[in-house]
C-alpha atoms as a PDB file:
ATOM      1  CA  MET A   1      23.362  58.058  -4.916  1.00  0.00           C
ATOM      2  CA  GLN A   2      19.417  58.658  -4.412  1.00  0.00           C
ATOM      3  CA  LYS A   3      18.300  58.073  -0.907  1.00  0.00           C
ATOM      4  CA  LEU A   4      15.320  55.770  -0.927  1.00  0.00           C
ATOM      5  CA  ASP A   5      12.446  57.744   1.498  1.00  0.00           C
ATOM      6  CA  ALA A   6      10.846  56.005   3.884  1.00  0.00           C
ATOM      7  CA  VAL A   7      13.930  53.833   4.192  1.00  0.00           C
ATOM      8  CA  LYS A   8      17.314  53.972   4.956  1.00  0.00           C
ATOM      9  CA  GLY A   9      18.042  52.811   1.802  1.00  0.00           C
ATOM     10  CA  CYS A  10      20.068  53.932  -1.383  1.00  0.00           C
ATOM     11  CA  ILE A  11      20.019  53.282  -5.276  1.00  0.00           C
ATOM     12  CA  ALA A  12      22.122  54.607  -8.058  1.00  0.00           C
ATOM     13  CA  LYS A  13      20.165  57.146  -9.956  1.00  0.00           C
ATOM     14  CA  PRO A  14      21.929  58.187 -13.376  1.00  0.00           C
ATOM     15  CA  ARG A  15      22.868  61.592 -13.963  1.00  0.00           C
ATOM     16  CA  GLY A  16      19.696  63.709 -15.084  1.00  0.00           C
ATOM     17  CA  TRP A  17      17.253  61.259 -14.792  1.00  0.00           C
ATOM     18  CA  PHE A  18      13.712  61.610 -12.000  1.00  0.00           C
ATOM     19  CA  TYR A  19      13.072  60.237  -8.882  1.00  0.00           C
ATOM     20  CA  SER A  20       9.669  59.655  -7.417  1.00  0.00           C
ATOM     21  CA  TRP A  21       8.131  57.780  -4.361  1.00  0.00           C
ATOM     22  CA  SER A  22       5.231  57.212  -2.615  1.00  0.00           C
ATOM     23  CA  GLY A  23       3.597  54.840   0.339  1.00  0.00           C
ATOM     24  CA  ASP A  24       0.985  53.646   2.846  1.00  0.00           C
ATOM     25  CA  ALA A  25       1.108  51.911   5.727  1.00  0.00           C
ATOM     26  CA  ASN A  26       2.014  49.110   4.259  1.00  0.00           C
ATOM     27  CA  ARG A  27       3.694  49.671   0.772  1.00  0.00           C
ATOM     28  CA  VAL A  28       6.270  52.073  -0.361  1.00  0.00           C
ATOM     29  CA  GLU A  29       7.108  52.142  -4.109  1.00  0.00           C
ATOM     30  CA  TRP A  30       9.949  54.094  -5.963  1.00  0.00           C
ATOM     31  CA  ILE A  31      10.908  55.353  -9.422  1.00  0.00           C
ATOM     32  CA  ILE A  32      13.641  56.019 -10.968  1.00  0.00           C
ATOM     33  CA  ALA A  33      13.277  57.031 -14.822  1.00  0.00           C
ATOM     34  CA  ARG A  34      14.855  58.684 -18.066  1.00  0.00           C
ATOM     35  CA  GLU A  35      11.587  60.499 -17.778  1.00  0.00           C
ATOM     36  CA  ASN A  36       9.837  62.658 -15.656  1.00  0.00           C
ATOM     37  CA  VAL A  37       7.061  60.447 -14.246  1.00  0.00           C
ATOM     38  CA  LYS A  38       5.076  63.582 -12.392  1.00  0.00           C
ATOM     39  CA  VAL A  39       4.570  64.953 -16.151  1.00  0.00           C
ATOM     40  CA  GLY A  40       3.010  61.483 -17.392  1.00  0.00           C
ATOM     41  CA  ARG A  41       4.158  57.546 -18.150  1.00  0.00           C
ATOM     42  CA  TYR A  42       8.149  56.776 -18.610  1.00  0.00           C
ATOM     43  CA  GLU A  43       9.726  54.786 -21.369  1.00  0.00           C
ATOM     44  CA  THR A  44      12.967  53.846 -19.305  1.00  0.00           C
ATOM     45  CA  GLY A  45      13.338  53.015 -16.249  1.00  0.00           C
ATOM     46  CA  MET A  46      12.905  51.181 -12.290  1.00  0.00           C
ATOM     47  CA  ARG A  47      10.461  50.558 -10.442  1.00  0.00           C
ATOM     48  CA  ILE A  48      10.536  49.457  -6.992  1.00  0.00           C
ATOM     49  CA  TYR A  49       7.511  48.092  -5.084  1.00  0.00           C
ATOM     50  CA  TYR A  50       8.395  46.882  -1.513  1.00  0.00           C
ATOM     51  CA  ILE A  51       5.356  45.605   0.768  1.00  0.00           C
ATOM     52  CA  HIS A  52       6.651  45.163   4.547  1.00  0.00           C
ATOM     53  CA  ASN A  53       3.277  43.653   5.694  1.00  0.00           C
ATOM     54  CA  LEU A  54       2.199  41.173   2.961  1.00  0.00           C
ATOM     55  CA  SER A  55      -0.676  39.869   5.439  1.00  0.00           C
ATOM     56  CA  ALA A  56      -2.558  43.517   5.095  1.00  0.00           C
ATOM     57  CA  TYR A  57      -1.806  43.421   1.402  1.00  0.00           C
ATOM     58  CA  THR A  58      -3.069  40.174   0.649  1.00  0.00           C
ATOM     59  CA  LYS A  59      -4.655  37.597   3.114  1.00  0.00           C
ATOM     60  CA  ASP A  60      -4.703  34.716   1.007  1.00  0.00           C
ATOM     61  CA  TYR A  61      -0.883  34.503   0.442  1.00  0.00           C
ATOM     62  CA  SER A  62       3.039  34.104   2.443  1.00  0.00           C
ATOM     63  CA  PRO A  63       5.505  35.853   0.542  1.00  0.00           C
ATOM     64  CA  GLU A  64       6.614  32.219  -1.505  1.00  0.00           C
ATOM     65  CA  SER A  65       3.374  31.567  -2.676  1.00  0.00           C
ATOM     66  CA  PHE A  66       2.622  35.451  -3.793  1.00  0.00           C
ATOM     67  CA  ALA A  67       6.218  35.156  -5.560  1.00  0.00           C
ATOM     68  CA  ARG A  68       4.992  32.436  -7.229  1.00  0.00           C
ATOM     69  CA  GLN A  69       1.875  34.204  -8.006  1.00  0.00           C
ATOM     70  CA  VAL A  70       3.309  37.062  -9.427  1.00  0.00           C
ATOM     71  CA  MET A  71       5.657  35.431 -11.472  1.00  0.00           C
ATOM     72  CA  SER A  72       3.364  33.239 -12.781  1.00  0.00           C
ATOM     73  CA  ASP A  73       1.076  36.541 -13.967  1.00  0.00           C
ATOM     74  CA  LYS A  74       4.231  37.968 -15.433  1.00  0.00           C
ATOM     75  CA  LYS A  75       4.877  34.548 -17.620  1.00  0.00           C
ATOM     76  CA  ARG A  76       1.384  34.796 -18.546  1.00  0.00           C
ATOM     77  CA  GLY A  77       1.082  38.216 -19.372  1.00  0.00           C
ATOM     78  CA  ALA A  78       4.780  38.174 -22.000  1.00  0.00           C
ATOM     79  CA  GLN A  79       5.265  37.959 -25.354  1.00  0.00           C
ATOM     80  CA  LYS A  80       8.218  35.733 -25.202  1.00  0.00           C
ATOM     81  CA  ILE A  81      10.310  34.751 -21.670  1.00  0.00           C
ATOM     82  CA  ILE A  82      14.042  35.377 -22.540  1.00  0.00           C
ATOM     83  CA  ARG A  83      15.339  33.892 -18.925  1.00  0.00           C
ATOM     84  CA  GLU A  84      14.334  32.806 -15.890  1.00  0.00           C
ATOM     85  CA  CYS A  85      16.570  32.752 -13.162  1.00  0.00           C
ATOM     86  CA  SER A  86      16.803  30.320  -9.948  1.00  0.00           C
ATOM     87  CA  PRO A  87      15.996  31.381  -6.605  1.00  0.00           C
ATOM     88  CA  VAL A  88      19.066  32.291  -4.733  1.00  0.00           C
ATOM     89  CA  SER A  89      19.792  33.995  -1.058  1.00  0.00           C
ATOM     90  CA  VAL A  90      20.465  37.805  -1.106  1.00  0.00           C
ATOM     91  CA  GLY A  91      20.782  38.694   2.554  1.00  0.00           C
ATOM     92  CA  PRO A  92      17.249  38.346   4.073  1.00  0.00           C
ATOM     93  CA  PHE A  93      15.643  37.372   0.866  1.00  0.00           C
ATOM     94  CA  THR A  94      15.467  34.953  -1.736  1.00  0.00           C
ATOM     95  CA  ARG A  95      15.681  36.620  -5.195  1.00  0.00           C
ATOM     96  CA  THR A  96      13.681  35.124  -8.392  1.00  0.00           C
ATOM     97  CA  CYS A  97      14.199  36.664 -12.125  1.00  0.00           C
ATOM     98  CA  LEU A  98      12.047  36.496 -15.571  1.00  0.00           C
ATOM     99  CA  GLU A  99      13.297  38.784 -18.107  1.00  0.00           C
ATOM    100  CA  THR A 100      10.618  39.408 -20.670  1.00  0.00           C
ATOM    101  CA  SER A 101       9.329  40.452 -24.104  1.00  0.00           C
ATOM    102  CA  GLU A 102       6.214  42.113 -23.620  1.00  0.00           C
ATOM    103  CA  ARG A 103       4.123  44.741 -26.450  1.00  0.00           C
ATOM    104  CA  ILE A 104       2.952  47.740 -24.218  1.00  0.00           C
ATOM    105  CA  GLU A 105       0.790  50.458 -25.276  1.00  0.00           C
ATOM    106  CA  SER A 106       2.668  53.898 -24.658  1.00  0.00           C
ATOM    107  CA  THR A 107       1.259  57.614 -25.760  1.00  0.00           C
ATOM    108  CA  SER A 108       3.666  57.297 -28.890  1.00  0.00           C
ATOM    109  CA  GLY A 109       1.486  53.846 -29.486  1.00  0.00           C
ATOM    110  CA  THR A 110       2.531  50.318 -29.271  1.00  0.00           C
ATOM    111  CA  ILE A 111       5.996  49.644 -28.295  1.00  0.00           C
ATOM    112  CA  ASP A 112       8.096  46.540 -27.709  1.00  0.00           C
ATOM    113  CA  TYR A 113       9.588  46.471 -24.488  1.00  0.00           C
ATOM    114  CA  ARG A 114      12.317  44.391 -22.616  1.00  0.00           C
ATOM    115  CA  ILE A 115      11.368  43.681 -18.824  1.00  0.00           C
ATOM    116  CA  LEU A 116      13.354  42.609 -16.231  1.00  0.00           C
ATOM    117  CA  TYR A 117      11.083  41.607 -12.749  1.00  0.00           C
ATOM    118  CA  SER A 118      13.590  40.775 -10.192  1.00  0.00           C
ATOM    119  CA  LEU A 119      11.139  39.386  -7.134  1.00  0.00           C
ATOM    120  CA  PHE A 120      12.809  39.117  -3.590  1.00  0.00           C
ATOM    121  CA  ARG A 121      10.281  37.011  -0.690  1.00  0.00           C
ATOM    122  CA  SER A 122      11.358  37.469   2.621  1.00  0.00           C
ATOM    123  CA  ASN A 123      12.859  34.697   4.349  1.00  0.00           C
ATOM    124  CA  GLU A 124      11.884  36.056   7.556  1.00  0.00           C
ATOM    125  CA  LYS A 125       9.422  38.033   7.652  1.00  0.00           C
ATOM    126  CA  ASN A 126       5.979  39.001   6.354  1.00  0.00           C
ATOM    127  CA  ALA A 127       7.360  40.716   2.981  1.00  0.00           C
ATOM    128  CA  PHE A 128       7.969  41.025  -0.267  1.00  0.00           C
ATOM    129  CA  LEU A 129       9.635  43.504  -2.957  1.00  0.00           C
ATOM    130  CA  ILE A 130       9.528  43.554  -6.850  1.00  0.00           C
ATOM    131  CA  SER A 131      11.739  45.391  -8.530  1.00  0.00           C
ATOM    132  CA  THR A 132      10.919  46.148 -12.254  1.00  0.00           C
ATOM    133  CA  PHE A 133      13.638  47.657 -15.104  1.00  0.00           C
ATOM    134  CA  GLY A 134      12.050  48.078 -18.032  1.00  0.00           C
ATOM    135  CA  THR A 135      12.991  50.051 -21.910  1.00  0.00           C
ATOM    136  CA  PRO A 136      12.268  49.559 -25.536  1.00  0.00           C
ATOM    137  CA  ALA A 137      13.397  46.519 -26.379  1.00  0.00           C
ATOM    138  CA  GLY A 138      15.775  48.370 -28.778  1.00  0.00           C
ATOM    139  CA  GLU A 139      17.588  50.351 -25.996  1.00  0.00           C
ATOM    140  CA  TRP A 140      18.359  47.077 -24.132  1.00  0.00           C
ATOM    141  CA  GLU A 141      21.906  46.509 -24.839  1.00  0.00           C
ATOM    142  CA  LYS A 142      22.779  50.455 -24.304  1.00  0.00           C
ATOM    143  CA  ASN A 143      21.197  50.203 -20.821  1.00  0.00           C
ATOM    144  CA  LEU A 144      22.652  47.150 -19.880  1.00  0.00           C
ATOM    145  CA  PRO A 145      24.770  48.453 -17.031  1.00  0.00           C
ATOM    146  CA  VAL A 146      22.292  51.367 -15.622  1.00  0.00           C
ATOM    147  CA  VAL A 147      20.429  47.903 -15.043  1.00  0.00           C
ATOM    148  CA  ASP A 148      23.070  46.304 -13.558  1.00  0.00           C
ATOM    149  CA  VAL A 149      24.233  49.498 -11.421  1.00  0.00           C
ATOM    150  CA  MET A 150      20.641  50.280 -10.396  1.00  0.00           C
ATOM    151  CA  SER A 151      20.089  46.471  -9.512  1.00  0.00           C
ATOM    152  CA  ARG A 152      22.506  46.829  -6.564  1.00  0.00           C
ATOM    153  CA  PHE A 153      19.656  48.926  -4.211  1.00  0.00           C
ATOM    154  CA  VAL A 154      20.013  48.642  -0.663  1.00  0.00           C
ATOM    155  CA  LEU A 155      16.727  48.454   1.812  1.00  0.00           C
ATOM    156  CA  HIS A 156      18.156  49.458   4.959  1.00  0.00           C
ATOM    157  CA  CYS A 157      22.250  50.977   5.070  1.00  0.00           C
ATOM    158  CA  GLU A 158      22.971  53.819   7.270  1.00  0.00           C
ATOM    159  CA  ARG A 159      26.050  55.177   5.566  1.00  0.00           C
ATOM    160  CA  CYS A 160      24.713  53.853   2.110  1.00  0.00           C
ATOM    161  CA  CYS A 161      24.055  57.131   0.794  1.00  0.00           C
ATOM    162  CA  GLU A 162      27.149  59.162   2.069  1.00  0.00           C
ATOM    163  CA  THR A 163      29.060  57.400  -0.826  1.00  0.00           C
ATOM    164  CA  LYS A 164      28.517  58.587  -4.697  1.00  0.00           C
ATOM    165  CA  ASP A 165      29.611  54.575  -5.874  1.00  0.00           C
ATOM    166  CA  PRO A 166      27.344  52.305  -5.371  1.00  0.00           C
END
């Protein structure tokens, strides 16, 4: 289990993968990737971007309208939409998701990627979170168990990091 710095949260990190984080007064970003992000870009991994003060980040959007705008932007940028999930309650958030196929420039050329965007809008606070898991399209099936386990991260849990089980 990897502690998520700046919050009392955790995520299951595969053995040998890398972790980094950054943030400021309004947002925090974590990256858990197979490749060392401190050296360069990564090909397979999850990015979690949490905006805990959305009005300081963007004054024009509520969490719900911001989620709609992000979803619209991601759909426009996709080569193909594989699936879209309906909104569901997840604790104090409402989650929607979008799975896409996209062509992305990398250091080794243009690669077809499969990306799962999960958008969480707060039902109670002025907060928004997006998690993105991406991998080259040919590795998607192999990485499905990783996506499933990593997607169960928590932002606030006093004792979550004390166990090895997600």
